Amino acid sequence: MNAPAIPWTLRPDGEAGPVWRSPANPIIRPGCFEGVLGVFNSAVVPFGNRFAGVFRVETHRRFPKLHTGFSSDGANWHIEPEPLRFATDVADRPAEEYAYDPRVTTIDGRHHVTWCAGDTGPTIGMAWTEDFQAYHRTESAFLPFNRNGVLLPRRVDGHYWMLSRPSDDGHTPFGDIYISRSPDLTHWGHHRLVMKSGGLEHGVWWSSTKIGAGAVPIETPEGWLILYHGVMGLCNGFEYSMGAALLDLEQPWRVRYRARRLLLTPQAPYETTGHVAGVVFPCAALVDDATGRVAIYYGAADTTTCLAFSTLDEIIAWTKDDSVVY
């Protein structure tokens, strides 16, 4: 079965940066079905000859839930109106648990979903599916409090690896990226610091408050390319931007390059206006192996889902040309 072509738009004339926005943005808006106030911070993967994804959806109750979605072209989506249900679950889960900011990682043909789950406080929920119909819940990865759990898409040294950001029970005015390993996706340990937030120490001022893993890491000859969100505290609140770094392929807690310059920051009206103004939040990236084209999915202003584009060569060059020295 042929893999579907990823979404793509040519770079607009006059666009100088390494990443450019889709002219169709936002690709998913409030009202995609009745009662929806926002669909954002969601993740997609190729699935047969189309695309599938898990989406954060908020209705008039403003209680975030996970919903399945499908698309033939990666840009026009049907979101299932009912939240996804677990075919198998683990004991002692809350009756109506909040669930938000999912990622989907395909490893050995199985699609693993990680998200921020309610387990006496936010932590990393985990489930797997083979068909995006039956989801099998497994134990949460970590103790509360933790967010932004993102799996590497293959084993390294025989282990699974997950990036995460230890946090607190609130809006977390701090946070660094850590990595943990597991032999079985159940027992997690070997916790290592990967990157600290920016500030004067690292010269990454736009991420001086906190950082968190975004899209599933992309394997390249230069290392694991991670597209992460960095947060800067402003006088009127937080601003979320997107940055890039390259981690060592065999020792993924080691940073090889980390761009001082951001890739994308809130500037378009749909990024600066919404439920939470000033948010660009990457959650997924699709890569065309033949051309190196990259389609990046991100949440905008905690309201809509958007697309941006680049190439692996451009992002890697941007990351290496002005990198933090570790």
C-alpha atoms as a PDB file:
ATOM      1  CA  MET A   1       0.000   0.000   0.000  1.00  0.00           C
ATOM      2  CA  ASN A   2       1.416   3.362  -1.017  1.00  0.00           C
ATOM      3  CA  ALA A   3       2.038   5.949   1.683  1.00  0.00           C
ATOM      4  CA  PRO A   4      -0.035   9.121   1.251  1.00  0.00           C
ATOM      5  CA  ALA A   5       1.600  12.318   0.047  1.00  0.00           C
ATOM      6  CA  ILE A   6       2.147  14.730   2.916  1.00  0.00           C
ATOM      7  CA  PRO A   7       0.610  18.211   2.752  1.00  0.00           C
ATOM      8  CA  TRP A   8       2.838  20.744   1.049  1.00  0.00           C
ATOM      9  CA  THR A   9       2.853  24.392  -0.011  1.00  0.00           C
ATOM     10  CA  LEU A  10       5.707  26.163  -1.763  1.00  0.00           C
ATOM     11  CA  ARG A  11       7.564  28.854   0.134  1.00  0.00           C
ATOM     12  CA  PRO A  12       5.876  32.234  -0.468  1.00  0.00           C
ATOM     13  CA  ASP A  13       7.844  34.952  -2.190  1.00  0.00           C
ATOM     14  CA  GLY A  14       9.667  37.091   0.330  1.00  0.00           C
ATOM     15  CA  GLU A  15       9.605  34.477   3.113  1.00  0.00           C
ATOM     16  CA  ALA A  16      13.132  34.435   4.519  1.00  0.00           C
ATOM     17  CA  GLY A  17      12.782  32.114   7.506  1.00  0.00           C
ATOM     18  CA  PRO A  18      13.218  28.334   7.461  1.00  0.00           C
ATOM     19  CA  VAL A  19       9.523  27.678   8.247  1.00  0.00           C
ATOM     20  CA  TRP A  20       6.464  29.095   6.497  1.00  0.00           C
ATOM     21  CA  ARG A  21       2.756  28.857   7.266  1.00  0.00           C
ATOM     22  CA  SER A  22       0.045  27.188   5.221  1.00  0.00           C
ATOM     23  CA  PRO A  23      -2.212  29.709   3.437  1.00  0.00           C
ATOM     24  CA  ALA A  24      -5.124  27.456   4.476  1.00  0.00           C
ATOM     25  CA  ASN A  25      -4.525  28.021   8.202  1.00  0.00           C
ATOM     26  CA  PRO A  26      -6.197  27.269  10.477  1.00  0.00           C
ATOM     27  CA  ILE A  27      -6.888  23.853   8.969  1.00  0.00           C
ATOM     28  CA  ILE A  28      -9.168  22.824  11.881  1.00  0.00           C
ATOM     29  CA  ARG A  29     -11.330  25.465  13.536  1.00  0.00           C
ATOM     30  CA  PRO A  30     -13.933  25.637  16.286  1.00  0.00           C
ATOM     31  CA  GLY A  31     -17.254  24.322  15.095  1.00  0.00           C
ATOM     32  CA  CYS A  32     -15.840  21.340  13.188  1.00  0.00           C
ATOM     33  CA  PHE A  33     -18.795  19.600  14.796  1.00  0.00           C
ATOM     34  CA  GLU A  34     -21.549  20.949  17.021  1.00  0.00           C
ATOM     35  CA  GLY A  35     -20.450  22.495  20.291  1.00  0.00           C
ATOM     36  CA  VAL A  36     -16.693  22.527  19.638  1.00  0.00           C
ATOM     37  CA  LEU A  37     -14.838  25.560  20.980  1.00  0.00           C
ATOM     38  CA  GLY A  38     -11.348  24.390  20.071  1.00  0.00           C
ATOM     39  CA  VAL A  39      -9.283  21.636  18.421  1.00  0.00           C
ATOM     40  CA  PHE A  40      -5.573  22.118  19.035  1.00  0.00           C
ATOM     41  CA  ASN A  41      -2.274  20.640  20.277  1.00  0.00           C
ATOM     42  CA  SER A  42      -2.957  17.394  18.423  1.00  0.00           C
ATOM     43  CA  ALA A  43      -0.922  14.714  16.656  1.00  0.00           C
ATOM     44  CA  VAL A  44      -1.148  12.844  13.341  1.00  0.00           C
ATOM     45  CA  VAL A  45       0.638   9.959  11.596  1.00  0.00           C
ATOM     46  CA  PRO A  46       0.428   8.189   8.234  1.00  0.00           C
ATOM     47  CA  PHE A  47      -2.078   5.329   8.400  1.00  0.00           C
ATOM     48  CA  GLY A  48      -2.304   3.066   5.375  1.00  0.00           C
ATOM     49  CA  ASN A  49      -3.087   5.248   2.362  1.00  0.00           C
ATOM     50  CA  ARG A  50      -4.365   8.136   4.495  1.00  0.00           C
ATOM     51  CA  PHE A  51      -3.652   9.879   7.798  1.00  0.00           C
ATOM     52  CA  ALA A  52      -5.013   9.323  11.287  1.00  0.00           C
ATOM     53  CA  GLY A  53      -4.626  11.320  14.440  1.00  0.00           C
ATOM     54  CA  VAL A  54      -5.604  11.918  18.027  1.00  0.00           C
ATOM     55  CA  PHE A  55      -6.950  15.401  18.709  1.00  0.00           C
ATOM     56  CA  ARG A  56      -7.492  17.544  21.771  1.00  0.00           C
ATOM     57  CA  VAL A  57     -11.090  18.733  21.616  1.00  0.00           C
ATOM     58  CA  GLU A  58     -12.825  21.161  23.964  1.00  0.00           C
ATOM     59  CA  THR A  59     -16.568  21.765  23.943  1.00  0.00           C
ATOM     60  CA  HIS A  60     -18.733  24.170  25.933  1.00  0.00           C
ATOM     61  CA  ARG A  61     -17.791  22.308  29.089  1.00  0.00           C
ATOM     62  CA  ARG A  62     -14.109  23.246  28.441  1.00  0.00           C
ATOM     63  CA  PHE A  63     -13.143  19.792  29.692  1.00  0.00           C
ATOM     64  CA  PRO A  64     -10.456  18.469  27.295  1.00  0.00           C
ATOM     65  CA  LYS A  65     -10.989  15.066  25.702  1.00  0.00           C
ATOM     66  CA  LEU A  66      -9.181  12.992  23.083  1.00  0.00           C
ATOM     67  CA  HIS A  67     -10.924  12.334  19.757  1.00  0.00           C
ATOM     68  CA  THR A  68      -9.854  10.304  16.734  1.00  0.00           C
ATOM     69  CA  GLY A  69      -9.604  11.942  13.312  1.00  0.00           C
ATOM     70  CA  PHE A  70      -8.966  10.822   9.722  1.00  0.00           C
ATOM     71  CA  SER A  71      -7.860  12.582   6.557  1.00  0.00           C
ATOM     72  CA  SER A  72      -7.061  11.585   2.988  1.00  0.00           C
ATOM     73  CA  ASP A  73      -4.661  14.502   2.427  1.00  0.00           C
ATOM     74  CA  GLY A  74      -3.477  15.546   5.901  1.00  0.00           C
ATOM     75  CA  ALA A  75      -5.109  18.960   5.598  1.00  0.00           C
ATOM     76  CA  ASN A  76      -8.872  18.311   5.521  1.00  0.00           C
ATOM     77  CA  TRP A  77      -9.967  16.354   8.585  1.00  0.00           C
ATOM     78  CA  HIS A  78     -12.994  14.487   9.862  1.00  0.00           C
ATOM     79  CA  ILE A  79     -12.948  14.510  13.671  1.00  0.00           C
ATOM     80  CA  GLU A  80     -15.093  11.870  15.353  1.00  0.00           C
ATOM     81  CA  PRO A  81     -17.700  13.640  17.509  1.00  0.00           C
ATOM     82  CA  GLU A  82     -17.429  11.105  20.342  1.00  0.00           C
ATOM     83  CA  PRO A  83     -14.298  10.946  22.521  1.00  0.00           C
ATOM     84  CA  LEU A  84     -12.158   7.868  22.031  1.00  0.00           C
ATOM     85  CA  ARG A  85     -12.884   5.009  24.431  1.00  0.00           C
ATOM     86  CA  PHE A  86     -10.452   2.418  25.708  1.00  0.00           C
ATOM     87  CA  ALA A  87     -11.152  -1.165  24.676  1.00  0.00           C
ATOM     88  CA  THR A  88      -8.972  -2.272  27.587  1.00  0.00           C
ATOM     89  CA  ASP A  89      -8.122  -0.089  30.549  1.00  0.00           C
ATOM     90  CA  VAL A  90      -6.149  -0.229  33.787  1.00  0.00           C
ATOM     91  CA  ALA A  91      -7.718  -0.177  37.220  1.00  0.00           C
ATOM     92  CA  ASP A  92      -8.433   2.892  39.343  1.00  0.00           C
ATOM     93  CA  ARG A  93      -8.713   5.433  36.556  1.00  0.00           C
ATOM     94  CA  PRO A  94     -10.878   8.504  37.311  1.00  0.00           C
ATOM     95  CA  ALA A  95     -14.425   8.161  35.998  1.00  0.00           C
ATOM     96  CA  GLU A  96     -14.149  11.277  33.840  1.00  0.00           C
ATOM     97  CA  GLU A  97     -10.503  12.004  33.395  1.00  0.00           C
ATOM     98  CA  TYR A  98      -9.253  15.053  31.581  1.00  0.00           C
ATOM     99  CA  ALA A  99      -6.933  14.291  28.681  1.00  0.00           C
ATOM    100  CA  TYR A 100      -5.026  16.747  26.509  1.00  0.00           C
ATOM    101  CA  ASP A 101      -2.007  17.494  24.289  1.00  0.00           C
ATOM    102  CA  PRO A 102      -1.605  14.007  22.739  1.00  0.00           C
ATOM    103  CA  ARG A 103       1.291  12.710  20.681  1.00  0.00           C
ATOM    104  CA  VAL A 104       1.246   9.619  18.470  1.00  0.00           C
ATOM    105  CA  THR A 105       4.409   7.601  17.800  1.00  0.00           C
ATOM    106  CA  THR A 106       4.513   4.596  15.469  1.00  0.00           C
ATOM    107  CA  ILE A 107       6.982   1.925  16.579  1.00  0.00           C
ATOM    108  CA  ASP A 108       7.177  -1.442  14.816  1.00  0.00           C
ATOM    109  CA  GLY A 109       3.745  -0.978  13.258  1.00  0.00           C
ATOM    110  CA  ARG A 110       1.938  -0.123  16.504  1.00  0.00           C
ATOM    111  CA  HIS A 111       0.696   3.405  17.191  1.00  0.00           C
ATOM    112  CA  HIS A 112       1.464   4.577  20.720  1.00  0.00           C
ATOM    113  CA  VAL A 113      -0.513   7.469  22.170  1.00  0.00           C
ATOM    114  CA  THR A 114       0.902   9.589  24.983  1.00  0.00           C
ATOM    115  CA  TRP A 115      -0.958  12.501  26.545  1.00  0.00           C
ATOM    116  CA  CYS A 116      -1.343  14.593  29.669  1.00  0.00           C
ATOM    117  CA  ALA A 117      -3.635  12.498  31.848  1.00  0.00           C
ATOM    118  CA  GLY A 118      -5.375  13.119  35.150  1.00  0.00           C
ATOM    119  CA  ASP A 119      -3.947  10.725  37.756  1.00  0.00           C
ATOM    120  CA  THR A 120      -4.225  12.652  41.047  1.00  0.00           C
ATOM    121  CA  GLY A 121      -2.523  15.355  39.036  1.00  0.00           C
ATOM    122  CA  PRO A 122      -1.168  15.660  35.488  1.00  0.00           C
ATOM    123  CA  THR A 123       1.165  12.948  34.276  1.00  0.00           C
ATOM    124  CA  ILE A 124       1.850  10.936  31.098  1.00  0.00           C
ATOM    125  CA  GLY A 125      -0.989   8.622  30.084  1.00  0.00           C
ATOM    126  CA  MET A 126      -0.228   5.813  27.642  1.00  0.00           C
ATOM    127  CA  ALA A 127      -2.200   3.638  25.237  1.00  0.00           C
ATOM    128  CA  TRP A 128      -1.676   1.832  21.956  1.00  0.00           C
ATOM    129  CA  THR A 129      -3.767   1.081  18.893  1.00  0.00           C
ATOM    130  CA  GLU A 130      -3.311  -0.752  15.630  1.00  0.00           C
ATOM    131  CA  ASP A 131      -6.396   0.566  13.853  1.00  0.00           C
ATOM    132  CA  PHE A 132      -7.405   3.847  15.564  1.00  0.00           C
ATOM    133  CA  GLN A 133     -10.602   2.111  16.589  1.00  0.00           C
ATOM    134  CA  ALA A 134      -9.608  -0.002  19.590  1.00  0.00           C
ATOM    135  CA  TYR A 135      -7.323   1.769  22.068  1.00  0.00           C
ATOM    136  CA  HIS A 136      -5.633  -0.243  24.798  1.00  0.00           C
ATOM    137  CA  ARG A 137      -4.797   1.756  27.924  1.00  0.00           C
ATOM    138  CA  THR A 138      -1.656   0.877  29.861  1.00  0.00           C
ATOM    139  CA  GLU A 139      -0.196   2.242  33.076  1.00  0.00           C
ATOM    140  CA  SER A 140       0.843   5.882  33.274  1.00  0.00           C
ATOM    141  CA  ALA A 141       4.543   6.327  32.654  1.00  0.00           C
ATOM    142  CA  PHE A 142       5.481   8.566  35.585  1.00  0.00           C
ATOM    143  CA  LEU A 143       4.322   9.900  38.907  1.00  0.00           C
ATOM    144  CA  PRO A 144       2.531  13.232  38.894  1.00  0.00           C
ATOM    145  CA  PHE A 145       3.456  15.863  37.975  1.00  0.00           C
ATOM    146  CA  ASN A 146       4.645  15.559  34.385  1.00  0.00           C
ATOM    147  CA  ARG A 147       3.707  16.753  30.893  1.00  0.00           C
ATOM    148  CA  ASN A 148       4.807  16.577  27.244  1.00  0.00           C
ATOM    149  CA  GLY A 149       5.636  12.874  27.035  1.00  0.00           C
ATOM    150  CA  VAL A 150       7.034  12.092  23.568  1.00  0.00           C
ATOM    151  CA  LEU A 151       8.451   8.707  22.503  1.00  0.00           C
ATOM    152  CA  LEU A 152      11.400   8.190  20.182  1.00  0.00           C
ATOM    153  CA  PRO A 153      10.145   6.315  17.095  1.00  0.00           C
ATOM    154  CA  ARG A 154      12.507   3.364  17.509  1.00  0.00           C
ATOM    155  CA  ARG A 155      14.402   1.565  20.227  1.00  0.00           C
ATOM    156  CA  VAL A 156      17.918   2.716  21.058  1.00  0.00           C
ATOM    157  CA  ASP A 157      20.272   0.179  22.650  1.00  0.00           C
ATOM    158  CA  GLY A 158      17.307  -2.183  23.001  1.00  0.00           C
ATOM    159  CA  HIS A 159      15.213   0.286  25.016  1.00  0.00           C
ATOM    160  CA  TYR A 160      12.268   2.588  24.442  1.00  0.00           C
ATOM    161  CA  TRP A 161      12.927   6.259  25.245  1.00  0.00           C
ATOM    162  CA  MET A 162      10.563   9.051  26.245  1.00  0.00           C
ATOM    163  CA  LEU A 163      11.110  12.789  26.515  1.00  0.00           C
ATOM    164  CA  SER A 164       9.088  14.565  29.196  1.00  0.00           C
ATOM    165  CA  ARG A 165       8.916  17.694  31.335  1.00  0.00           C
ATOM    166  CA  PRO A 166       8.541  17.284  35.102  1.00  0.00           C
ATOM    167  CA  SER A 167       6.177  20.014  36.261  1.00  0.00           C
ATOM    168  CA  ASP A 168       3.672  20.952  38.967  1.00  0.00           C
ATOM    169  CA  ASP A 169      -0.105  20.925  39.336  1.00  0.00           C
ATOM    170  CA  GLY A 170      -0.620  24.384  37.837  1.00  0.00           C
ATOM    171  CA  HIS A 171       0.500  26.363  34.817  1.00  0.00           C
ATOM    172  CA  THR A 172       4.138  25.531  35.569  1.00  0.00           C
ATOM    173  CA  PRO A 173       6.286  28.679  35.387  1.00  0.00           C
ATOM    174  CA  PHE A 174       9.370  26.457  35.020  1.00  0.00           C
ATOM    175  CA  GLY A 175      10.411  23.299  33.192  1.00  0.00           C
ATOM    176  CA  ASP A 176      13.232  21.427  31.470  1.00  0.00           C
ATOM    177  CA  ILE A 177      13.270  18.447  29.090  1.00  0.00           C
ATOM    178  CA  TYR A 178      14.303  15.073  30.513  1.00  0.00           C
ATOM    179  CA  ILE A 179      14.539  11.636  28.919  1.00  0.00           C
ATOM    180  CA  SER A 180      13.750   8.232  30.437  1.00  0.00           C
ATOM    181  CA  ARG A 181      14.170   4.703  29.138  1.00  0.00           C
ATOM    182  CA  SER A 182      12.142   1.511  29.438  1.00  0.00           C
ATOM    183  CA  PRO A 183      12.584  -2.126  28.409  1.00  0.00           C
ATOM    184  CA  ASP A 184       8.837  -2.658  27.962  1.00  0.00           C
ATOM    185  CA  LEU A 185       6.971   0.693  27.842  1.00  0.00           C
ATOM    186  CA  THR A 186       5.836   0.056  31.420  1.00  0.00           C
ATOM    187  CA  HIS A 187       8.847   0.366  33.714  1.00  0.00           C
ATOM    188  CA  TRP A 188      10.677   3.675  33.324  1.00  0.00           C
ATOM    189  CA  GLY A 189      14.040   4.748  34.683  1.00  0.00           C
ATOM    190  CA  HIS A 190      17.523   5.983  33.713  1.00  0.00           C
ATOM    191  CA  HIS A 191      16.198   9.556  33.895  1.00  0.00           C
ATOM    192  CA  ARG A 192      18.574  12.080  32.349  1.00  0.00           C
ATOM    193  CA  LEU A 193      18.418  15.835  31.840  1.00  0.00           C
ATOM    194  CA  VAL A 194      18.424  16.725  28.143  1.00  0.00           C
ATOM    195  CA  MET A 195      17.998  20.510  27.935  1.00  0.00           C
ATOM    196  CA  LYS A 196      17.291  23.304  30.365  1.00  0.00           C
ATOM    197  CA  SER A 197      15.166  26.315  29.561  1.00  0.00           C
ATOM    198  CA  GLY A 198      17.003  29.186  27.938  1.00  0.00           C
ATOM    199  CA  GLY A 199      17.831  32.544  29.458  1.00  0.00           C
ATOM    200  CA  LEU A 200      21.217  34.186  29.594  1.00  0.00           C
ATOM    201  CA  GLU A 201      23.021  30.954  30.499  1.00  0.00           C
ATOM    202  CA  HIS A 202      22.245  29.320  27.149  1.00  0.00           C
ATOM    203  CA  GLY A 203      21.467  32.378  25.048  1.00  0.00           C
ATOM    204  CA  VAL A 204      18.004  31.095  24.124  1.00  0.00           C
ATOM    205  CA  TRP A 205      16.031  33.969  25.605  1.00  0.00           C
ATOM    206  CA  TRP A 206      12.770  33.144  23.804  1.00  0.00           C
ATOM    207  CA  SER A 207      12.590  29.926  25.895  1.00  0.00           C
ATOM    208  CA  SER A 208      13.742  31.426  29.180  1.00  0.00           C
ATOM    209  CA  THR A 209      10.710  30.284  31.243  1.00  0.00           C
ATOM    210  CA  LYS A 210      10.241  26.628  30.250  1.00  0.00           C
ATOM    211  CA  ILE A 211      10.580  24.150  27.404  1.00  0.00           C
ATOM    212  CA  GLY A 212       8.805  20.935  26.416  1.00  0.00           C
ATOM    213  CA  ALA A 213       9.103  18.238  23.770  1.00  0.00           C
ATOM    214  CA  GLY A 214       6.855  18.793  20.769  1.00  0.00           C
ATOM    215  CA  ALA A 215       6.732  16.651  17.644  1.00  0.00           C
ATOM    216  CA  VAL A 216       7.972  13.057  17.641  1.00  0.00           C
ATOM    217  CA  PRO A 217      11.756  13.227  17.040  1.00  0.00           C
ATOM    218  CA  ILE A 218      12.872  12.782  13.429  1.00  0.00           C
ATOM    219  CA  GLU A 219      15.893  10.544  12.797  1.00  0.00           C
ATOM    220  CA  THR A 220      18.511  12.212  10.596  1.00  0.00           C
ATOM    221  CA  PRO A 221      22.232  11.557   9.957  1.00  0.00           C
ATOM    222  CA  GLU A 222      22.932  14.605  12.164  1.00  0.00           C
ATOM    223  CA  GLY A 223      20.947  13.217  15.112  1.00  0.00           C
ATOM    224  CA  TRP A 224      17.390  13.155  16.446  1.00  0.00           C
ATOM    225  CA  LEU A 225      15.772  16.380  15.264  1.00  0.00           C
ATOM    226  CA  ILE A 226      13.363  17.642  17.905  1.00  0.00           C
ATOM    227  CA  LEU A 227      10.888  20.460  17.294  1.00  0.00           C
ATOM    228  CA  TYR A 228      10.050  21.713  20.770  1.00  0.00           C
ATOM    229  CA  HIS A 229       8.120  24.553  22.342  1.00  0.00           C
ATOM    230  CA  GLY A 230       9.890  27.235  24.307  1.00  0.00           C
ATOM    231  CA  VAL A 231       8.089  29.663  26.591  1.00  0.00           C
ATOM    232  CA  MET A 232       9.026  33.217  27.456  1.00  0.00           C
ATOM    233  CA  GLY A 233       7.436  35.179  30.275  1.00  0.00           C
ATOM    234  CA  LEU A 234       6.128  38.561  29.125  1.00  0.00           C
ATOM    235  CA  CYS A 235       4.502  41.350  31.092  1.00  0.00           C
ATOM    236  CA  ASN A 236       1.053  40.114  30.008  1.00  0.00           C
ATOM    237  CA  GLY A 237       1.662  36.360  30.307  1.00  0.00           C
ATOM    238  CA  PHE A 238       3.474  33.552  28.485  1.00  0.00           C
ATOM    239  CA  GLU A 239       4.459  33.392  24.812  1.00  0.00           C
ATOM    240  CA  TYR A 240       4.974  29.941  23.209  1.00  0.00           C
ATOM    241  CA  SER A 241       7.313  29.607  20.227  1.00  0.00           C
ATOM    242  CA  MET A 242       8.831  26.690  18.294  1.00  0.00           C
ATOM    243  CA  GLY A 243      12.530  25.833  18.256  1.00  0.00           C
ATOM    244  CA  ALA A 244      14.810  23.017  17.108  1.00  0.00           C
ATOM    245  CA  ALA A 245      17.635  20.905  18.499  1.00  0.00           C
ATOM    246  CA  LEU A 246      19.572  17.788  17.475  1.00  0.00           C
ATOM    247  CA  LEU A 247      20.191  14.984  19.968  1.00  0.00           C
ATOM    248  CA  ASP A 248      22.794  12.246  19.661  1.00  0.00           C
ATOM    249  CA  LEU A 249      21.371   9.168  17.916  1.00  0.00           C
ATOM    250  CA  GLU A 250      22.826   6.615  20.338  1.00  0.00           C
ATOM    251  CA  GLN A 251      22.893   8.746  23.513  1.00  0.00           C
ATOM    252  CA  PRO A 252      19.702  10.776  23.123  1.00  0.00           C
ATOM    253  CA  TRP A 253      20.194  12.687  26.372  1.00  0.00           C
ATOM    254  CA  ARG A 254      23.173  14.452  24.774  1.00  0.00           C
ATOM    255  CA  VAL A 255      22.477  17.634  22.814  1.00  0.00           C
ATOM    256  CA  ARG A 256      24.597  18.016  19.679  1.00  0.00           C
ATOM    257  CA  TYR A 257      23.109  21.306  18.487  1.00  0.00           C
ATOM    258  CA  ARG A 258      20.431  23.652  19.798  1.00  0.00           C
ATOM    259  CA  ALA A 259      19.407  26.658  17.753  1.00  0.00           C
ATOM    260  CA  ARG A 260      19.539  29.977  19.549  1.00  0.00           C
ATOM    261  CA  ARG A 261      17.046  31.381  17.054  1.00  0.00           C
ATOM    262  CA  LEU A 262      13.427  30.251  17.121  1.00  0.00           C
ATOM    263  CA  LEU A 263      11.730  28.667  14.107  1.00  0.00           C
ATOM    264  CA  LEU A 264       8.231  30.105  14.480  1.00  0.00           C
ATOM    265  CA  THR A 265       6.670  32.565  16.938  1.00  0.00           C
ATOM    266  CA  PRO A 266       3.105  33.884  17.286  1.00  0.00           C
ATOM    267  CA  GLN A 267       2.564  36.539  14.612  1.00  0.00           C
ATOM    268  CA  ALA A 268      -0.446  35.510  12.520  1.00  0.00           C
ATOM    269  CA  PRO A 269      -3.845  36.686  13.824  1.00  0.00           C
ATOM    270  CA  TYR A 270      -4.954  33.118  14.623  1.00  0.00           C
ATOM    271  CA  GLU A 271      -1.805  32.700  16.791  1.00  0.00           C
ATOM    272  CA  THR A 272      -2.093  35.974  18.676  1.00  0.00           C
ATOM    273  CA  THR A 273      -5.867  35.849  19.220  1.00  0.00           C
ATOM    274  CA  GLY A 274      -7.810  32.965  20.753  1.00  0.00           C
ATOM    275  CA  HIS A 275      -8.498  31.265  24.065  1.00  0.00           C
ATOM    276  CA  VAL A 276      -4.834  31.756  25.025  1.00  0.00           C
ATOM    277  CA  ALA A 277      -3.159  34.472  23.004  1.00  0.00           C
ATOM    278  CA  GLY A 278       0.412  34.035  21.826  1.00  0.00           C
ATOM    279  CA  VAL A 279       0.782  30.266  21.415  1.00  0.00           C
ATOM    280  CA  VAL A 280       2.564  28.225  18.742  1.00  0.00           C
ATOM    281  CA  PHE A 281       2.643  24.639  20.041  1.00  0.00           C
ATOM    282  CA  PRO A 282       4.148  21.916  17.771  1.00  0.00           C
ATOM    283  CA  CYS A 283       2.825  18.387  18.266  1.00  0.00           C
ATOM    284  CA  ALA A 284       3.539  16.436  15.065  1.00  0.00           C
ATOM    285  CA  ALA A 285       5.665  16.466  11.924  1.00  0.00           C
ATOM    286  CA  LEU A 286       5.379  14.439   8.726  1.00  0.00           C
ATOM    287  CA  VAL A 287       8.449  13.870   6.552  1.00  0.00           C
ATOM    288  CA  ASP A 288       8.667  12.971   2.868  1.00  0.00           C
ATOM    289  CA  ASP A 289      11.761  10.748   2.796  1.00  0.00           C
ATOM    290  CA  ALA A 290      12.308  11.242  -0.934  1.00  0.00           C
ATOM    291  CA  THR A 291      12.350  15.050  -0.882  1.00  0.00           C
ATOM    292  CA  GLY A 292      13.075  15.923   2.739  1.00  0.00           C
ATOM    293  CA  ARG A 293       9.931  18.032   2.903  1.00  0.00           C
ATOM    294  CA  VAL A 294       8.436  18.505   6.379  1.00  0.00           C
ATOM    295  CA  ALA A 295       4.845  19.318   7.313  1.00  0.00           C
ATOM    296  CA  ILE A 296       4.557  20.542  10.912  1.00  0.00           C
ATOM    297  CA  TYR A 297       1.267  20.478  12.830  1.00  0.00           C
ATOM    298  CA  TYR A 298       0.875  22.977  15.637  1.00  0.00           C
ATOM    299  CA  GLY A 299      -1.775  24.362  17.924  1.00  0.00           C
ATOM    300  CA  ALA A 300      -2.455  28.100  17.652  1.00  0.00           C
ATOM    301  CA  ALA A 301      -3.671  30.193  20.593  1.00  0.00           C
ATOM    302  CA  ASP A 302      -5.099  27.046  22.243  1.00  0.00           C
ATOM    303  CA  THR A 303      -7.964  27.268  19.744  1.00  0.00           C
ATOM    304  CA  THR A 304      -7.111  25.912  16.290  1.00  0.00           C
ATOM    305  CA  THR A 305      -4.891  23.417  14.470  1.00  0.00           C
ATOM    306  CA  CYS A 306      -2.466  24.780  11.881  1.00  0.00           C
ATOM    307  CA  LEU A 307       0.187  23.660   9.409  1.00  0.00           C
ATOM    308  CA  ALA A 308       3.656  24.969   8.613  1.00  0.00           C
ATOM    309  CA  PHE A 309       6.265  23.724   6.156  1.00  0.00           C
ATOM    310  CA  SER A 310      10.013  23.417   5.763  1.00  0.00           C
ATOM    311  CA  THR A 311      12.664  20.916   4.703  1.00  0.00           C
ATOM    312  CA  LEU A 312      15.015  18.835   6.804  1.00  0.00           C
ATOM    313  CA  ASP A 313      18.029  20.499   5.210  1.00  0.00           C
ATOM    314  CA  GLU A 314      16.793  23.992   6.068  1.00  0.00           C
ATOM    315  CA  ILE A 315      15.893  23.186   9.667  1.00  0.00           C
ATOM    316  CA  ILE A 316      19.173  21.354  10.288  1.00  0.00           C
ATOM    317  CA  ALA A 317      21.217  24.174   8.758  1.00  0.00           C
ATOM    318  CA  TRP A 318      19.308  26.741  10.852  1.00  0.00           C
ATOM    319  CA  THR A 319      19.953  24.658  13.985  1.00  0.00           C
ATOM    320  CA  LYS A 320      23.680  24.202  13.381  1.00  0.00           C
ATOM    321  CA  ASP A 321      24.492  27.695  12.094  1.00  0.00           C
ATOM    322  CA  ASP A 322      23.782  29.457  15.407  1.00  0.00           C
ATOM    323  CA  SER A 323      23.870  26.730  18.010  1.00  0.00           C
ATOM    324  CA  VAL A 324      24.281  26.726  21.787  1.00  0.00           C
ATOM    325  CA  VAL A 325      27.616  25.225  22.776  1.00  0.00           C
ATOM    326  CA  TYR A 326      27.221  22.388  25.312  1.00  0.00           C
END
